[in-house]
Amino acid sequence: MVTVMSASKSEVAYQLVSERINTGAYSPGYRLVLGTIAEELGCSVVPVREAIRRLEAEGLVHFTRNVGATVAQVDSTLYLHTMQTLMIIEPAATALAAHAMDAAWLSKARALNEKMRQCLEDFDPVAFTRMNTEFHQLLYGQCPNPHILDLVQRGWRRLAAMRASSFTHIPYRARESVKEHDGLLDLIESHATPAQIEAACREHRAHTLNSYLKAAGMEPSVI
């Protein structure tokens, strides 16, 4: 049984289910039994239902009549829409956060990107994606605007299920991505303008999206 501490029961349920969706423990189509989750948390189904509704609003859970709540199937259209959104808001968050990245923070980001480069030698798409997510969290995570930060975090959570296998479909993109990470860190370290950092981050995100769309036989994004 999961111990419910100071956080609200609804928040604990949300974090539990969200994490299991993001890690793949709850795969697309998995049926979420509210009673079972409530029993695990030692609470009633009410806060669990609230958490599920919140995840539904984020696109991670789908309600079907006579079936109930299931983990949403992730398709190319959802990926496209979410990535287009992130192409607008994540670069802004990264540019706003850049001034807070001191030498120690940059060193941590570079070390992580080096691990990603080493991962290319014996490519593990799941491990690479996990590190890629952590890398971008380091860059935008100190955004001082909580509203922008919340939108970016929601977008990454929405992508989580699909991104677990994205680099399986576009493995060549991984090597290019690491090089672009170096460029972003160079800009931040050299105290480039927020506009320059934002533009580079947007281009980086566009390259990933367009590579995925090309592999899926879809038209490149116009953004």
C-alpha atoms as a PDB file:
ATOM      1  CA  MET A   1       0.000   0.000   0.000  1.00  0.00           C
ATOM      2  CA  VAL A   2       1.265   3.466  -0.897  1.00  0.00           C
ATOM      3  CA  THR A   3       1.470   5.741   2.126  1.00  0.00           C
ATOM      4  CA  VAL A   4      -0.409   9.018   1.657  1.00  0.00           C
ATOM      5  CA  MET A   5       1.603  11.781   3.348  1.00  0.00           C
ATOM      6  CA  SER A   6       0.981  15.523   3.486  1.00  0.00           C
ATOM      7  CA  ALA A   7      -0.015  15.896  -0.180  1.00  0.00           C
ATOM      8  CA  SER A   8      -3.708  15.641  -0.960  1.00  0.00           C
ATOM      9  CA  LYS A   9      -4.966  12.163  -1.745  1.00  0.00           C
ATOM     10  CA  SER A  10      -5.997  13.342  -5.185  1.00  0.00           C
ATOM     11  CA  GLU A  11      -2.473  14.650  -5.869  1.00  0.00           C
ATOM     12  CA  VAL A  12      -0.901  11.393  -4.667  1.00  0.00           C
ATOM     13  CA  ALA A  13      -3.213   9.406  -6.943  1.00  0.00           C
ATOM     14  CA  TYR A  14      -2.383  11.719  -9.839  1.00  0.00           C
ATOM     15  CA  GLN A  15       1.358  11.345  -9.313  1.00  0.00           C
ATOM     16  CA  LEU A  16       1.095   7.568  -8.980  1.00  0.00           C
ATOM     17  CA  VAL A  17      -0.928   6.989 -12.148  1.00  0.00           C
ATOM     18  CA  SER A  18       0.974   9.635 -14.124  1.00  0.00           C
ATOM     19  CA  GLU A  19       4.324   8.055 -13.258  1.00  0.00           C
ATOM     20  CA  ARG A  20       3.133   4.586 -14.236  1.00  0.00           C
ATOM     21  CA  ILE A  21       1.848   5.872 -17.572  1.00  0.00           C
ATOM     22  CA  ASN A  22       5.103   7.719 -18.225  1.00  0.00           C
ATOM     23  CA  THR A  23       7.283   4.715 -17.394  1.00  0.00           C
ATOM     24  CA  GLY A  24       5.131   2.342 -19.436  1.00  0.00           C
ATOM     25  CA  ALA A  25       3.924   0.320 -16.457  1.00  0.00           C
ATOM     26  CA  TYR A  26       0.442   1.329 -17.601  1.00  0.00           C
ATOM     27  CA  SER A  27       0.619   0.904 -21.377  1.00  0.00           C
ATOM     28  CA  PRO A  28      -1.819   2.390 -23.943  1.00  0.00           C
ATOM     29  CA  GLY A  29      -5.209   0.704 -23.564  1.00  0.00           C
ATOM     30  CA  TYR A  30      -4.554  -0.386 -19.980  1.00  0.00           C
ATOM     31  CA  ARG A  31      -7.788  -0.285 -17.962  1.00  0.00           C
ATOM     32  CA  LEU A  32      -7.567   1.846 -14.835  1.00  0.00           C
ATOM     33  CA  VAL A  33      -9.675   0.294 -12.086  1.00  0.00           C
ATOM     34  CA  LEU A  34     -10.430   3.098  -9.658  1.00  0.00           C
ATOM     35  CA  GLY A  35     -11.242   0.766  -6.785  1.00  0.00           C
ATOM     36  CA  THR A  36      -7.934  -1.046  -7.101  1.00  0.00           C
ATOM     37  CA  ILE A  37      -5.950   2.189  -7.152  1.00  0.00           C
ATOM     38  CA  ALA A  38      -7.941   3.529  -4.187  1.00  0.00           C
ATOM     39  CA  GLU A  39      -7.254   0.349  -2.230  1.00  0.00           C
ATOM     40  CA  GLU A  40      -3.534   0.643  -2.966  1.00  0.00           C
ATOM     41  CA  LEU A  41      -3.558   4.224  -1.723  1.00  0.00           C
ATOM     42  CA  GLY A  42      -5.774   3.484   1.241  1.00  0.00           C
ATOM     43  CA  CYS A  43      -8.403   6.051   0.293  1.00  0.00           C
ATOM     44  CA  SER A  44     -11.865   6.266  -1.254  1.00  0.00           C
ATOM     45  CA  VAL A  45     -12.418   6.327  -5.016  1.00  0.00           C
ATOM     46  CA  VAL A  46     -13.335  10.047  -4.935  1.00  0.00           C
ATOM     47  CA  PRO A  47      -9.762  11.447  -4.988  1.00  0.00           C
ATOM     48  CA  VAL A  48      -8.760   8.779  -7.503  1.00  0.00           C
ATOM     49  CA  ARG A  49     -11.611   9.854  -9.767  1.00  0.00           C
ATOM     50  CA  GLU A  50     -10.445  13.470  -9.461  1.00  0.00           C
ATOM     51  CA  ALA A  51      -6.919  12.434 -10.435  1.00  0.00           C
ATOM     52  CA  ILE A  52      -8.167  10.446 -13.417  1.00  0.00           C
ATOM     53  CA  ARG A  53     -10.228  13.398 -14.627  1.00  0.00           C
ATOM     54  CA  ARG A  54      -7.121  15.554 -14.434  1.00  0.00           C
ATOM     55  CA  LEU A  55      -5.143  13.038 -16.473  1.00  0.00           C
ATOM     56  CA  GLU A  56      -8.002  12.902 -18.978  1.00  0.00           C
ATOM     57  CA  ALA A  57      -7.761  16.683 -19.411  1.00  0.00           C
ATOM     58  CA  GLU A  58      -4.052  16.242 -20.170  1.00  0.00           C
ATOM     59  CA  GLY A  59      -4.797  13.628 -22.824  1.00  0.00           C
ATOM     60  CA  LEU A  60      -3.211  10.722 -20.962  1.00  0.00           C
ATOM     61  CA  VAL A  61      -6.447   8.951 -20.041  1.00  0.00           C
ATOM     62  CA  HIS A  62      -9.543   8.225 -22.096  1.00  0.00           C
ATOM     63  CA  PHE A  63     -13.058   7.452 -20.899  1.00  0.00           C
ATOM     64  CA  THR A  64     -15.143   4.965 -22.878  1.00  0.00           C
ATOM     65  CA  ARG A  65     -18.771   4.244 -22.122  1.00  0.00           C
ATOM     66  CA  ASN A  66     -19.298   0.817 -20.515  1.00  0.00           C
ATOM     67  CA  VAL A  67     -15.526   0.390 -20.288  1.00  0.00           C
ATOM     68  CA  GLY A  68     -14.343   3.151 -17.991  1.00  0.00           C
ATOM     69  CA  ALA A  69     -10.955   4.808 -17.843  1.00  0.00           C
ATOM     70  CA  THR A  70      -8.099   3.497 -19.950  1.00  0.00           C
ATOM     71  CA  VAL A  71      -4.658   4.806 -20.767  1.00  0.00           C
ATOM     72  CA  ALA A  72      -5.015   6.799 -23.981  1.00  0.00           C
ATOM     73  CA  GLN A  73      -3.673   5.487 -27.236  1.00  0.00           C
ATOM     74  CA  VAL A  74      -1.020   7.881 -28.529  1.00  0.00           C
ATOM     75  CA  ASP A  75      -1.156   8.610 -32.236  1.00  0.00           C
ATOM     76  CA  SER A  76       0.740  10.768 -34.692  1.00  0.00           C
ATOM     77  CA  THR A  77      -1.883  13.498 -34.580  1.00  0.00           C
ATOM     78  CA  LEU A  78      -1.561  13.877 -30.817  1.00  0.00           C
ATOM     79  CA  TYR A  79       2.211  13.886 -31.156  1.00  0.00           C
ATOM     80  CA  LEU A  80       2.006  16.583 -33.841  1.00  0.00           C
ATOM     81  CA  HIS A  81      -0.277  18.857 -31.842  1.00  0.00           C
ATOM     82  CA  THR A  82       1.692  18.485 -28.626  1.00  0.00           C
ATOM     83  CA  MET A  83       5.052  19.036 -30.309  1.00  0.00           C
ATOM     84  CA  GLN A  84       3.723  22.102 -32.118  1.00  0.00           C
ATOM     85  CA  THR A  85       2.649  23.471 -28.743  1.00  0.00           C
ATOM     86  CA  LEU A  86       6.037  22.715 -27.201  1.00  0.00           C
ATOM     87  CA  MET A  87       7.756  24.384 -30.156  1.00  0.00           C
ATOM     88  CA  ILE A  88       6.132  27.623 -29.010  1.00  0.00           C
ATOM     89  CA  ILE A  89       6.320  27.428 -25.228  1.00  0.00           C
ATOM     90  CA  GLU A  90       9.430  25.350 -24.419  1.00  0.00           C
ATOM     91  CA  PRO A  91      11.859  27.678 -26.243  1.00  0.00           C
ATOM     92  CA  ALA A  92      10.376  30.602 -24.330  1.00  0.00           C
ATOM     93  CA  ALA A  93      10.766  28.739 -21.037  1.00  0.00           C
ATOM     94  CA  THR A  94      14.365  27.805 -21.883  1.00  0.00           C
ATOM     95  CA  ALA A  95      15.253  31.380 -22.809  1.00  0.00           C
ATOM     96  CA  LEU A  96      13.738  32.695 -19.583  1.00  0.00           C
ATOM     97  CA  ALA A  97      15.602  30.084 -17.534  1.00  0.00           C
ATOM     98  CA  ALA A  98      18.985  30.576 -19.210  1.00  0.00           C
ATOM     99  CA  HIS A  99      20.186  33.370 -16.930  1.00  0.00           C
ATOM    100  CA  ALA A 100      19.813  31.041 -13.917  1.00  0.00           C
ATOM    101  CA  MET A 101      22.126  28.381 -15.375  1.00  0.00           C
ATOM    102  CA  ASP A 102      25.427  28.919 -13.581  1.00  0.00           C
ATOM    103  CA  ALA A 103      28.691  27.059 -14.238  1.00  0.00           C
ATOM    104  CA  ALA A 104      27.731  24.117 -12.025  1.00  0.00           C
ATOM    105  CA  TRP A 105      24.363  23.762 -13.741  1.00  0.00           C
ATOM    106  CA  LEU A 106      25.929  23.913 -17.193  1.00  0.00           C
ATOM    107  CA  SER A 107      28.500  21.324 -16.170  1.00  0.00           C
ATOM    108  CA  LYS A 108      25.716  18.990 -15.089  1.00  0.00           C
ATOM    109  CA  ALA A 109      23.908  19.472 -18.412  1.00  0.00           C
ATOM    110  CA  ARG A 110      27.081  18.863 -20.419  1.00  0.00           C
ATOM    111  CA  ALA A 111      27.859  15.705 -18.431  1.00  0.00           C
ATOM    112  CA  LEU A 112      24.376  14.395 -19.133  1.00  0.00           C
ATOM    113  CA  ASN A 113      24.690  15.171 -22.830  1.00  0.00           C
ATOM    114  CA  GLU A 114      28.011  13.322 -22.860  1.00  0.00           C
ATOM    115  CA  LYS A 115      26.253  10.276 -21.420  1.00  0.00           C
ATOM    116  CA  MET A 116      23.756  10.563 -24.258  1.00  0.00           C
ATOM    117  CA  ARG A 117      26.643  10.659 -26.740  1.00  0.00           C
ATOM    118  CA  GLN A 118      28.119   7.514 -25.191  1.00  0.00           C
ATOM    119  CA  CYS A 119      24.706   5.853 -25.427  1.00  0.00           C
ATOM    120  CA  LEU A 120      24.889   6.259 -29.212  1.00  0.00           C
ATOM    121  CA  GLU A 121      27.665   3.653 -29.440  1.00  0.00           C
ATOM    122  CA  ASP A 122      25.402   0.841 -28.242  1.00  0.00           C
ATOM    123  CA  PHE A 123      22.105   2.594 -28.870  1.00  0.00           C
ATOM    124  CA  ASP A 124      19.349   2.092 -26.318  1.00  0.00           C
ATOM    125  CA  PRO A 125      16.372   4.256 -27.385  1.00  0.00           C
ATOM    126  CA  VAL A 126      14.595   3.964 -24.041  1.00  0.00           C
ATOM    127  CA  ALA A 127      17.659   5.013 -22.027  1.00  0.00           C
ATOM    128  CA  PHE A 128      18.442   7.758 -24.534  1.00  0.00           C
ATOM    129  CA  THR A 129      14.899   9.133 -24.323  1.00  0.00           C
ATOM    130  CA  ARG A 130      15.017   9.116 -20.526  1.00  0.00           C
ATOM    131  CA  MET A 131      18.249  11.131 -20.553  1.00  0.00           C
ATOM    132  CA  ASN A 132      16.896  13.440 -23.255  1.00  0.00           C
ATOM    133  CA  THR A 133      13.890  14.221 -21.087  1.00  0.00           C
ATOM    134  CA  GLU A 134      16.149  14.912 -18.107  1.00  0.00           C
ATOM    135  CA  PHE A 135      18.391  17.127 -20.234  1.00  0.00           C
ATOM    136  CA  HIS A 136      15.540  19.355 -21.350  1.00  0.00           C
ATOM    137  CA  GLN A 137      14.186  19.505 -17.817  1.00  0.00           C
ATOM    138  CA  LEU A 138      17.542  20.937 -16.772  1.00  0.00           C
ATOM    139  CA  LEU A 139      17.253  23.644 -19.433  1.00  0.00           C
ATOM    140  CA  TYR A 140      13.664  24.795 -18.926  1.00  0.00           C
ATOM    141  CA  GLY A 141      13.240  23.722 -15.293  1.00  0.00           C
ATOM    142  CA  GLN A 142      14.342  27.037 -13.809  1.00  0.00           C
ATOM    143  CA  CYS A 143      11.890  29.094 -15.847  1.00  0.00           C
ATOM    144  CA  PRO A 144      10.700  31.840 -13.462  1.00  0.00           C
ATOM    145  CA  ASN A 145       7.224  31.984 -15.011  1.00  0.00           C
ATOM    146  CA  PRO A 146       5.187  29.240 -13.280  1.00  0.00           C
ATOM    147  CA  HIS A 147       2.408  29.337 -15.866  1.00  0.00           C
ATOM    148  CA  ILE A 148       4.723  28.739 -18.819  1.00  0.00           C
ATOM    149  CA  LEU A 149       6.596  26.085 -16.853  1.00  0.00           C
ATOM    150  CA  ASP A 150       3.353  24.250 -16.050  1.00  0.00           C
ATOM    151  CA  LEU A 151       2.349  24.195 -19.735  1.00  0.00           C
ATOM    152  CA  VAL A 152       5.747  22.816 -20.762  1.00  0.00           C
ATOM    153  CA  GLN A 153       5.611  20.100 -18.112  1.00  0.00           C
ATOM    154  CA  ARG A 154       2.117  19.104 -19.219  1.00  0.00           C
ATOM    155  CA  GLY A 155       3.308  18.824 -22.793  1.00  0.00           C
ATOM    156  CA  TRP A 156       6.199  16.538 -21.860  1.00  0.00           C
ATOM    157  CA  ARG A 157       3.895  14.358 -19.764  1.00  0.00           C
ATOM    158  CA  ARG A 158       1.519  14.090 -22.702  1.00  0.00           C
ATOM    159  CA  LEU A 159       4.366  12.967 -24.932  1.00  0.00           C
ATOM    160  CA  ALA A 160       5.778  10.507 -22.432  1.00  0.00           C
ATOM    161  CA  ALA A 161       4.088   7.324 -23.641  1.00  0.00           C
ATOM    162  CA  MET A 162       5.023   7.904 -27.275  1.00  0.00           C
ATOM    163  CA  ARG A 163       8.480   9.289 -26.576  1.00  0.00           C
ATOM    164  CA  ALA A 164       9.413   5.994 -24.922  1.00  0.00           C
ATOM    165  CA  SER A 165       9.765   4.671 -28.476  1.00  0.00           C
ATOM    166  CA  SER A 166      10.307   7.816 -30.593  1.00  0.00           C
ATOM    167  CA  PHE A 167      14.016   7.251 -31.151  1.00  0.00           C
ATOM    168  CA  THR A 168      13.270   3.687 -32.182  1.00  0.00           C
ATOM    169  CA  HIS A 169      11.501   5.136 -35.216  1.00  0.00           C
ATOM    170  CA  ILE A 170      14.066   7.878 -35.894  1.00  0.00           C
ATOM    171  CA  PRO A 171      17.381   6.572 -34.442  1.00  0.00           C
ATOM    172  CA  TYR A 172      19.465   8.806 -36.725  1.00  0.00           C
ATOM    173  CA  ARG A 173      17.883  11.808 -35.039  1.00  0.00           C
ATOM    174  CA  ALA A 174      19.556  10.917 -31.739  1.00  0.00           C
ATOM    175  CA  ARG A 175      23.059  11.759 -32.969  1.00  0.00           C
ATOM    176  CA  GLU A 176      21.896  15.065 -34.449  1.00  0.00           C
ATOM    177  CA  SER A 177      20.055  15.859 -31.236  1.00  0.00           C
ATOM    178  CA  VAL A 178      23.204  15.510 -29.112  1.00  0.00           C
ATOM    179  CA  LYS A 179      25.071  17.930 -31.406  1.00  0.00           C
ATOM    180  CA  GLU A 180      22.233  20.437 -31.165  1.00  0.00           C
ATOM    181  CA  HIS A 181      22.308  20.121 -27.373  1.00  0.00           C
ATOM    182  CA  ASP A 182      25.970  21.168 -27.470  1.00  0.00           C
ATOM    183  CA  GLY A 183      24.996  24.209 -29.499  1.00  0.00           C
ATOM    184  CA  LEU A 184      22.272  25.197 -27.052  1.00  0.00           C
ATOM    185  CA  LEU A 185      24.642  24.920 -24.112  1.00  0.00           C
ATOM    186  CA  ASP A 186      27.271  26.961 -25.969  1.00  0.00           C
ATOM    187  CA  LEU A 187      24.724  29.730 -26.496  1.00  0.00           C
ATOM    188  CA  ILE A 188      23.711  29.727 -22.840  1.00  0.00           C
ATOM    189  CA  GLU A 189      27.325  29.675 -21.641  1.00  0.00           C
ATOM    190  CA  SER A 190      28.267  32.588 -23.925  1.00  0.00           C
ATOM    191  CA  HIS A 191      25.336  34.629 -22.589  1.00  0.00           C
ATOM    192  CA  ALA A 192      23.584  34.805 -25.942  1.00  0.00           C
ATOM    193  CA  THR A 193      20.438  36.897 -26.082  1.00  0.00           C
ATOM    194  CA  PRO A 194      17.136  35.313 -25.033  1.00  0.00           C
ATOM    195  CA  ALA A 195      15.969  35.655 -28.646  1.00  0.00           C
ATOM    196  CA  GLN A 196      18.965  33.656 -29.925  1.00  0.00           C
ATOM    197  CA  ILE A 197      18.470  30.912 -27.344  1.00  0.00           C
ATOM    198  CA  GLU A 198      14.754  30.746 -28.038  1.00  0.00           C
ATOM    199  CA  ALA A 199      15.324  30.498 -31.797  1.00  0.00           C
ATOM    200  CA  ALA A 200      17.890  27.700 -31.423  1.00  0.00           C
ATOM    201  CA  CYS A 201      15.635  25.753 -29.077  1.00  0.00           C
ATOM    202  CA  ARG A 202      12.683  26.110 -31.453  1.00  0.00           C
ATOM    203  CA  GLU A 203      14.789  24.905 -34.374  1.00  0.00           C
ATOM    204  CA  HIS A 204      15.930  21.915 -32.307  1.00  0.00           C
ATOM    205  CA  ARG A 205      12.344  20.984 -31.480  1.00  0.00           C
ATOM    206  CA  ALA A 206      11.285  21.447 -35.126  1.00  0.00           C
ATOM    207  CA  HIS A 207      14.009  19.096 -36.352  1.00  0.00           C
ATOM    208  CA  THR A 208      12.777  16.321 -34.054  1.00  0.00           C
ATOM    209  CA  LEU A 209       9.148  16.817 -35.026  1.00  0.00           C
ATOM    210  CA  ASN A 210       9.848  16.935 -38.751  1.00  0.00           C
ATOM    211  CA  SER A 211      12.050  13.836 -38.566  1.00  0.00           C
ATOM    212  CA  TYR A 212       9.226  11.963 -36.863  1.00  0.00           C
ATOM    213  CA  LEU A 213       6.625  13.206 -39.356  1.00  0.00           C
ATOM    214  CA  LYS A 214       8.837  12.205 -42.277  1.00  0.00           C
ATOM    215  CA  ALA A 215       9.252   8.701 -40.830  1.00  0.00           C
ATOM    216  CA  ALA A 216       5.456   8.510 -40.396  1.00  0.00           C
ATOM    217  CA  GLY A 217       4.843   9.629 -43.993  1.00  0.00           C
ATOM    218  CA  MET A 218       3.314  12.939 -42.932  1.00  0.00           C
ATOM    219  CA  GLU A 219       3.942  16.494 -44.110  1.00  0.00           C
ATOM    220  CA  PRO A 220       6.574  18.498 -42.187  1.00  0.00           C
ATOM    221  CA  SER A 221       5.308  21.052 -39.692  1.00  0.00           C
ATOM    222  CA  VAL A 222       4.996  24.605 -40.963  1.00  0.00           C
ATOM    223  CA  ILE A 223       6.218  26.083 -37.644  1.00  0.00           C
END
